[in-house]
Amino acid sequence: MGTAGPRLREIKKQETRDAIAAVATRLFGERGFENVTIAEIAAAARVSKMTVTNYFARKEDLAIDAHEQVIDDIVRPVAERADGVSVLAAARAGYARRLADRAHSIGLAGPTWTNMISSSRALQARLREIFDQAEHELAGAIATQTGDPGPLPKIVAAQLVAVDRVLFAEAQAFGGAGRNDDDTCAALAHSARTAYDLLEPALGRYGTTR
């Protein structure tokens, strides 16, 4: 009984957050990201403007509300890899799992969301920030694991996140063209194999000893 109250509050908070995001996505799709204000989103969601900003610190996060998941999905497989597993192998396996799960973090979306992103400089800039943050956090995790204070962890992280950036953009392009998820995932799997195979000669053993 003691945990019922806090748990119920968390459920209600998540429901409110999801409802605001759903309203924002609908309005952005109908009118474009730049043409919708926070006040209009609040009115349509029947909450106060302050409530919207409490859940979403930036307007861009209403359109790209899974940014924390994108970063976590890139960093966690490497940060939590087993002993003897290279950084590259962990990143490759992590992307394969996301692809099998059709996770939002690989960029799967329909034409409405994809076209909204491609038509907004602010949202494109936000995507770059998200991948930059993932690169920064991944470099930190690699440096901590390897004990290497030099530039190599940053270089390795830049290469691995570059794969995610390119594959995410490919997924967006397919989504904008109206291709179904099966075709998109098949194309992404091929591109991922090509990208990781290209990195294998240089990074195949990196990070296996910590």
C-alpha atoms as a PDB file:
ATOM      1  CA  MET A   1       0.000   0.000   0.000  1.00  0.00           C
ATOM      2  CA  GLY A   2       2.906   2.331   0.770  1.00  0.00           C
ATOM      3  CA  THR A   3       4.141   2.335  -2.825  1.00  0.00           C
ATOM      4  CA  ALA A   4       0.724   2.558  -4.482  1.00  0.00           C
ATOM      5  CA  GLY A   5       0.495   6.332  -4.163  1.00  0.00           C
ATOM      6  CA  PRO A   6       3.912   7.178  -5.675  1.00  0.00           C
ATOM      7  CA  ARG A   7       3.477   4.560  -8.399  1.00  0.00           C
ATOM      8  CA  LEU A   8       0.063   5.920  -9.355  1.00  0.00           C
ATOM      9  CA  ARG A   9       1.484   9.437  -9.530  1.00  0.00           C
ATOM     10  CA  GLU A  10       4.267   8.249 -11.832  1.00  0.00           C
ATOM     11  CA  ILE A  11       1.735   6.527 -14.093  1.00  0.00           C
ATOM     12  CA  LYS A  12      -0.387   9.669 -14.269  1.00  0.00           C
ATOM     13  CA  LYS A  13       2.678  11.812 -14.998  1.00  0.00           C
ATOM     14  CA  GLN A  14       3.671   9.505 -17.849  1.00  0.00           C
ATOM     15  CA  GLU A  15       0.130   9.544 -19.211  1.00  0.00           C
ATOM     16  CA  THR A  16       0.120  13.354 -19.138  1.00  0.00           C
ATOM     17  CA  ARG A  17       3.487  13.486 -20.862  1.00  0.00           C
ATOM     18  CA  ASP A  18       2.365  11.054 -23.561  1.00  0.00           C
ATOM     19  CA  ALA A  19      -0.865  12.977 -24.106  1.00  0.00           C
ATOM     20  CA  ILE A  20       0.991  16.285 -24.547  1.00  0.00           C
ATOM     21  CA  ALA A  21       3.459  14.685 -26.949  1.00  0.00           C
ATOM     22  CA  ALA A  22       0.617  13.157 -28.980  1.00  0.00           C
ATOM     23  CA  VAL A  23      -1.156  16.507 -29.295  1.00  0.00           C
ATOM     24  CA  ALA A  24       2.089  18.240 -30.261  1.00  0.00           C
ATOM     25  CA  THR A  25       2.878  15.614 -32.893  1.00  0.00           C
ATOM     26  CA  ARG A  26      -0.587  16.018 -34.412  1.00  0.00           C
ATOM     27  CA  LEU A  27      -0.345  19.806 -34.555  1.00  0.00           C
ATOM     28  CA  PHE A  28       3.191  19.743 -35.935  1.00  0.00           C
ATOM     29  CA  GLY A  29       2.083  17.291 -38.612  1.00  0.00           C
ATOM     30  CA  GLU A  30      -0.887  19.448 -39.578  1.00  0.00           C
ATOM     31  CA  ARG A  31       0.786  22.866 -39.546  1.00  0.00           C
ATOM     32  CA  GLY A  32       4.534  22.407 -39.380  1.00  0.00           C
ATOM     33  CA  PHE A  33       6.857  22.658 -36.400  1.00  0.00           C
ATOM     34  CA  GLU A  34       7.592  26.388 -36.671  1.00  0.00           C
ATOM     35  CA  ASN A  35       3.901  27.305 -37.002  1.00  0.00           C
ATOM     36  CA  VAL A  36       2.761  25.858 -33.676  1.00  0.00           C
ATOM     37  CA  THR A  37       3.368  27.541 -30.320  1.00  0.00           C
ATOM     38  CA  ILE A  38       3.723  26.038 -26.862  1.00  0.00           C
ATOM     39  CA  ALA A  39       0.581  27.928 -25.816  1.00  0.00           C
ATOM     40  CA  GLU A  40      -1.403  26.314 -28.642  1.00  0.00           C
ATOM     41  CA  ILE A  41      -0.152  22.869 -27.652  1.00  0.00           C
ATOM     42  CA  ALA A  42      -1.133  23.505 -24.042  1.00  0.00           C
ATOM     43  CA  ALA A  43      -4.610  24.645 -25.038  1.00  0.00           C
ATOM     44  CA  ALA A  44      -5.159  21.644 -27.288  1.00  0.00           C
ATOM     45  CA  ALA A  45      -3.910  19.263 -24.575  1.00  0.00           C
ATOM     46  CA  ARG A  46      -6.048  21.052 -21.950  1.00  0.00           C
ATOM     47  CA  VAL A  47      -3.114  21.757 -19.662  1.00  0.00           C
ATOM     48  CA  SER A  48      -1.280  24.912 -18.692  1.00  0.00           C
ATOM     49  CA  LYS A  49       1.688  26.228 -20.627  1.00  0.00           C
ATOM     50  CA  MET A  50       3.795  25.665 -17.507  1.00  0.00           C
ATOM     51  CA  THR A  51       2.776  22.014 -17.465  1.00  0.00           C
ATOM     52  CA  VAL A  52       4.042  21.596 -21.016  1.00  0.00           C
ATOM     53  CA  THR A  53       7.392  23.198 -20.212  1.00  0.00           C
ATOM     54  CA  ASN A  54       7.701  21.152 -17.018  1.00  0.00           C
ATOM     55  CA  TYR A  55       7.600  17.989 -19.089  1.00  0.00           C
ATOM     56  CA  PHE A  56       9.439  19.328 -22.132  1.00  0.00           C
ATOM     57  CA  ALA A  57      12.115  21.933 -21.479  1.00  0.00           C
ATOM     58  CA  ARG A  58      12.483  22.667 -25.187  1.00  0.00           C
ATOM     59  CA  LYS A  59       9.916  22.850 -27.935  1.00  0.00           C
ATOM     60  CA  GLU A  60      12.123  20.597 -30.081  1.00  0.00           C
ATOM     61  CA  ASP A  61      11.776  17.842 -27.499  1.00  0.00           C
ATOM     62  CA  LEU A  62       8.048  17.714 -28.160  1.00  0.00           C
ATOM     63  CA  ALA A  63       8.860  16.576 -31.690  1.00  0.00           C
ATOM     64  CA  ILE A  64      11.864  14.424 -30.770  1.00  0.00           C
ATOM     65  CA  ASP A  65      10.759  13.197 -27.366  1.00  0.00           C
ATOM     66  CA  ALA A  66      12.859  10.006 -27.362  1.00  0.00           C
ATOM     67  CA  HIS A  67      16.208  11.820 -27.367  1.00  0.00           C
ATOM     68  CA  GLU A  68      17.321  10.278 -24.064  1.00  0.00           C
ATOM     69  CA  GLN A  69      16.556   6.819 -25.437  1.00  0.00           C
ATOM     70  CA  VAL A  70      18.591   7.487 -28.578  1.00  0.00           C
ATOM     71  CA  ILE A  71      21.635   8.391 -26.480  1.00  0.00           C
ATOM     72  CA  ASP A  72      21.162   5.492 -24.064  1.00  0.00           C
ATOM     73  CA  ASP A  73      20.738   2.966 -26.875  1.00  0.00           C
ATOM     74  CA  ILE A  74      24.044   4.048 -28.385  1.00  0.00           C
ATOM     75  CA  VAL A  75      26.066   4.233 -25.169  1.00  0.00           C
ATOM     76  CA  ARG A  76      24.699   1.403 -23.014  1.00  0.00           C
ATOM     77  CA  PRO A  77      25.769  -1.604 -25.168  1.00  0.00           C
ATOM     78  CA  VAL A  78      29.379  -0.423 -25.088  1.00  0.00           C
ATOM     79  CA  ALA A  79      29.378   0.755 -21.475  1.00  0.00           C
ATOM     80  CA  GLU A  80      27.885  -2.535 -20.226  1.00  0.00           C
ATOM     81  CA  ARG A  81      29.648  -4.976 -22.536  1.00  0.00           C
ATOM     82  CA  ALA A  82      31.111  -8.171 -21.099  1.00  0.00           C
ATOM     83  CA  ASP A  83      34.824  -8.655 -20.575  1.00  0.00           C
ATOM     84  CA  GLY A  84      36.590  -9.698 -23.756  1.00  0.00           C
ATOM     85  CA  VAL A  85      34.008  -8.046 -26.012  1.00  0.00           C
ATOM     86  CA  SER A  86      35.411  -5.281 -28.179  1.00  0.00           C
ATOM     87  CA  VAL A  87      33.875  -1.824 -28.387  1.00  0.00           C
ATOM     88  CA  LEU A  88      33.003  -2.440 -32.039  1.00  0.00           C
ATOM     89  CA  ALA A  89      31.402  -5.826 -31.378  1.00  0.00           C
ATOM     90  CA  ALA A  90      29.275  -4.340 -28.599  1.00  0.00           C
ATOM     91  CA  ALA A  91      28.131  -1.448 -30.796  1.00  0.00           C
ATOM     92  CA  ARG A  92      27.345  -3.815 -33.670  1.00  0.00           C
ATOM     93  CA  ALA A  93      25.335  -6.138 -31.432  1.00  0.00           C
ATOM     94  CA  GLY A  94      23.520  -3.193 -29.868  1.00  0.00           C
ATOM     95  CA  TYR A  95      22.422  -1.869 -33.236  1.00  0.00           C
ATOM     96  CA  ALA A  96      21.330  -5.354 -34.341  1.00  0.00           C
ATOM     97  CA  ARG A  97      19.100  -5.623 -31.246  1.00  0.00           C
ATOM     98  CA  ARG A  98      17.566  -2.223 -31.882  1.00  0.00           C
ATOM     99  CA  LEU A  99      16.942  -3.190 -35.483  1.00  0.00           C
ATOM    100  CA  ALA A 100      15.291  -6.465 -34.465  1.00  0.00           C
ATOM    101  CA  ASP A 101      13.132  -4.594 -31.947  1.00  0.00           C
ATOM    102  CA  ARG A 102      12.413  -1.826 -34.490  1.00  0.00           C
ATOM    103  CA  ALA A 103      13.345   0.701 -31.846  1.00  0.00           C
ATOM    104  CA  HIS A 104      12.510   4.363 -32.374  1.00  0.00           C
ATOM    105  CA  SER A 105      16.171   5.196 -31.809  1.00  0.00           C
ATOM    106  CA  ILE A 106      17.144   3.875 -35.248  1.00  0.00           C
ATOM    107  CA  GLY A 107      14.935   6.457 -36.940  1.00  0.00           C
ATOM    108  CA  LEU A 108      11.919   4.419 -38.009  1.00  0.00           C
ATOM    109  CA  ALA A 109       9.012   6.771 -38.637  1.00  0.00           C
ATOM    110  CA  GLY A 110       6.317   7.475 -41.176  1.00  0.00           C
ATOM    111  CA  PRO A 111       6.404  10.235 -43.781  1.00  0.00           C
ATOM    112  CA  THR A 112       4.595  12.786 -41.573  1.00  0.00           C
ATOM    113  CA  TRP A 113       7.257  12.806 -38.837  1.00  0.00           C
ATOM    114  CA  THR A 114      10.123  12.433 -41.271  1.00  0.00           C
ATOM    115  CA  ASN A 115       8.992  15.288 -43.468  1.00  0.00           C
ATOM    116  CA  MET A 116       8.426  17.460 -40.399  1.00  0.00           C
ATOM    117  CA  ILE A 117      12.046  16.899 -39.360  1.00  0.00           C
ATOM    118  CA  SER A 118      13.468  17.466 -42.819  1.00  0.00           C
ATOM    119  CA  SER A 119      11.555  20.736 -43.247  1.00  0.00           C
ATOM    120  CA  SER A 120      12.704  22.261 -39.941  1.00  0.00           C
ATOM    121  CA  ARG A 121      16.213  23.596 -39.409  1.00  0.00           C
ATOM    122  CA  ALA A 122      15.581  23.724 -35.677  1.00  0.00           C
ATOM    123  CA  LEU A 123      14.727  20.020 -35.534  1.00  0.00           C
ATOM    124  CA  GLN A 124      17.658  19.073 -37.739  1.00  0.00           C
ATOM    125  CA  ALA A 125      19.918  21.046 -35.397  1.00  0.00           C
ATOM    126  CA  ARG A 126      18.388  19.243 -32.414  1.00  0.00           C
ATOM    127  CA  LEU A 127      19.120  15.874 -33.986  1.00  0.00           C
ATOM    128  CA  ARG A 128      22.749  16.901 -34.461  1.00  0.00           C
ATOM    129  CA  GLU A 129      22.906  17.911 -30.793  1.00  0.00           C
ATOM    130  CA  ILE A 130      21.517  14.539 -29.740  1.00  0.00           C
ATOM    131  CA  PHE A 131      24.129  12.614 -31.703  1.00  0.00           C
ATOM    132  CA  ASP A 132      26.857  14.981 -30.489  1.00  0.00           C
ATOM    133  CA  GLN A 133      25.799  14.243 -26.912  1.00  0.00           C
ATOM    134  CA  ALA A 134      25.806  10.509 -27.617  1.00  0.00           C
ATOM    135  CA  GLU A 135      29.321  10.807 -29.027  1.00  0.00           C
ATOM    136  CA  HIS A 136      30.488  12.731 -25.953  1.00  0.00           C
ATOM    137  CA  GLU A 137      28.997  10.210 -23.516  1.00  0.00           C
ATOM    138  CA  LEU A 138      30.274   7.232 -25.498  1.00  0.00           C
ATOM    139  CA  ALA A 139      33.795   8.673 -25.545  1.00  0.00           C
ATOM    140  CA  GLY A 140      33.613   9.134 -21.790  1.00  0.00           C
ATOM    141  CA  ALA A 141      32.481   5.554 -21.254  1.00  0.00           C
ATOM    142  CA  ILE A 142      35.260   4.187 -23.467  1.00  0.00           C
ATOM    143  CA  ALA A 143      37.899   6.340 -21.762  1.00  0.00           C
ATOM    144  CA  THR A 144      36.753   5.143 -18.340  1.00  0.00           C
ATOM    145  CA  GLN A 145      36.800   1.496 -19.384  1.00  0.00           C
ATOM    146  CA  THR A 146      40.154   1.584 -21.154  1.00  0.00           C
ATOM    147  CA  GLY A 147      41.873   4.023 -18.826  1.00  0.00           C
ATOM    148  CA  ASP A 148      43.026   5.965 -21.872  1.00  0.00           C
ATOM    149  CA  PRO A 149      43.081   9.741 -21.250  1.00  0.00           C
ATOM    150  CA  GLY A 150      44.196  10.499 -24.794  1.00  0.00           C
ATOM    151  CA  PRO A 151      42.238  11.255 -27.959  1.00  0.00           C
ATOM    152  CA  LEU A 152      41.689   7.643 -29.033  1.00  0.00           C
ATOM    153  CA  PRO A 153      38.388   7.086 -27.144  1.00  0.00           C
ATOM    154  CA  LYS A 154      37.011  10.247 -28.778  1.00  0.00           C
ATOM    155  CA  ILE A 155      38.137   9.079 -32.207  1.00  0.00           C
ATOM    156  CA  VAL A 156      36.567   5.645 -31.716  1.00  0.00           C
ATOM    157  CA  ALA A 157      33.329   7.145 -30.401  1.00  0.00           C
ATOM    158  CA  ALA A 158      33.176   9.521 -33.366  1.00  0.00           C
ATOM    159  CA  GLN A 159      33.458   6.609 -35.791  1.00  0.00           C
ATOM    160  CA  LEU A 160      30.797   4.536 -34.069  1.00  0.00           C
ATOM    161  CA  VAL A 161      28.312   7.381 -33.692  1.00  0.00           C
ATOM    162  CA  ALA A 162      28.912   8.322 -37.323  1.00  0.00           C
ATOM    163  CA  VAL A 163      27.464   4.927 -38.249  1.00  0.00           C
ATOM    164  CA  ASP A 164      24.363   5.657 -36.188  1.00  0.00           C
ATOM    165  CA  ARG A 165      24.016   9.124 -37.731  1.00  0.00           C
ATOM    166  CA  VAL A 166      24.186   7.772 -41.269  1.00  0.00           C
ATOM    167  CA  LEU A 167      21.827   4.874 -40.615  1.00  0.00           C
ATOM    168  CA  PHE A 168      19.352   7.174 -38.853  1.00  0.00           C
ATOM    169  CA  ALA A 169      19.393   9.495 -41.876  1.00  0.00           C
ATOM    170  CA  GLU A 170      18.882   6.499 -44.171  1.00  0.00           C
ATOM    171  CA  ALA A 171      15.880   5.395 -42.120  1.00  0.00           C
ATOM    172  CA  GLN A 172      14.461   8.912 -42.348  1.00  0.00           C
ATOM    173  CA  ALA A 173      14.909   8.972 -46.102  1.00  0.00           C
ATOM    174  CA  PHE A 174      13.063   5.684 -46.460  1.00  0.00           C
ATOM    175  CA  GLY A 175      10.312   6.857 -44.125  1.00  0.00           C
ATOM    176  CA  GLY A 176       9.901  10.100 -46.040  1.00  0.00           C
ATOM    177  CA  ALA A 177       9.572   8.119 -49.248  1.00  0.00           C
ATOM    178  CA  GLY A 178       6.797   6.013 -47.711  1.00  0.00           C
ATOM    179  CA  ARG A 179       8.704   2.706 -47.655  1.00  0.00           C
ATOM    180  CA  ASN A 180       7.384   0.145 -45.201  1.00  0.00           C
ATOM    181  CA  ASP A 181       9.306  -0.902 -42.103  1.00  0.00           C
ATOM    182  CA  ASP A 182      10.208  -4.342 -43.479  1.00  0.00           C
ATOM    183  CA  ASP A 183      11.960  -2.863 -46.508  1.00  0.00           C
ATOM    184  CA  THR A 184      13.570  -0.153 -44.412  1.00  0.00           C
ATOM    185  CA  CYS A 185      14.929  -2.609 -41.857  1.00  0.00           C
ATOM    186  CA  ALA A 186      16.313  -4.858 -44.565  1.00  0.00           C
ATOM    187  CA  ALA A 187      18.139  -1.923 -46.132  1.00  0.00           C
ATOM    188  CA  LEU A 188      19.411  -0.748 -42.753  1.00  0.00           C
ATOM    189  CA  ALA A 189      20.701  -4.230 -41.917  1.00  0.00           C
ATOM    190  CA  HIS A 190      22.695  -4.286 -45.162  1.00  0.00           C
ATOM    191  CA  SER A 191      24.103  -0.806 -44.562  1.00  0.00           C
ATOM    192  CA  ALA A 192      24.975  -1.663 -40.954  1.00  0.00           C
ATOM    193  CA  ARG A 193      26.901  -4.769 -42.003  1.00  0.00           C
ATOM    194  CA  THR A 194      28.823  -2.737 -44.562  1.00  0.00           C
ATOM    195  CA  ALA A 195      29.647   0.031 -42.085  1.00  0.00           C
ATOM    196  CA  TYR A 196      30.758  -2.199 -39.222  1.00  0.00           C
ATOM    197  CA  ASP A 197      32.738  -4.457 -41.570  1.00  0.00           C
ATOM    198  CA  LEU A 198      34.643  -1.413 -42.801  1.00  0.00           C
ATOM    199  CA  LEU A 199      35.572  -0.547 -39.205  1.00  0.00           C
ATOM    200  CA  GLU A 200      36.522  -4.115 -38.287  1.00  0.00           C
ATOM    201  CA  PRO A 201      40.186  -4.054 -39.446  1.00  0.00           C
ATOM    202  CA  ALA A 202      40.949  -0.990 -37.320  1.00  0.00           C
ATOM    203  CA  LEU A 203      38.690  -1.494 -34.305  1.00  0.00           C
ATOM    204  CA  GLY A 204      37.985  -5.223 -34.188  1.00  0.00           C
ATOM    205  CA  ARG A 205      40.109  -5.775 -31.068  1.00  0.00           C
ATOM    206  CA  TYR A 206      39.929  -2.349 -29.494  1.00  0.00           C
ATOM    207  CA  GLY A 207      38.729  -2.344 -25.913  1.00  0.00           C
ATOM    208  CA  THR A 208      38.828  -6.103 -25.363  1.00  0.00           C
ATOM    209  CA  THR A 209      41.308  -5.650 -22.492  1.00  0.00           C
ATOM    210  CA  ARG A 210      40.267  -3.247 -19.730  1.00  0.00           C
END
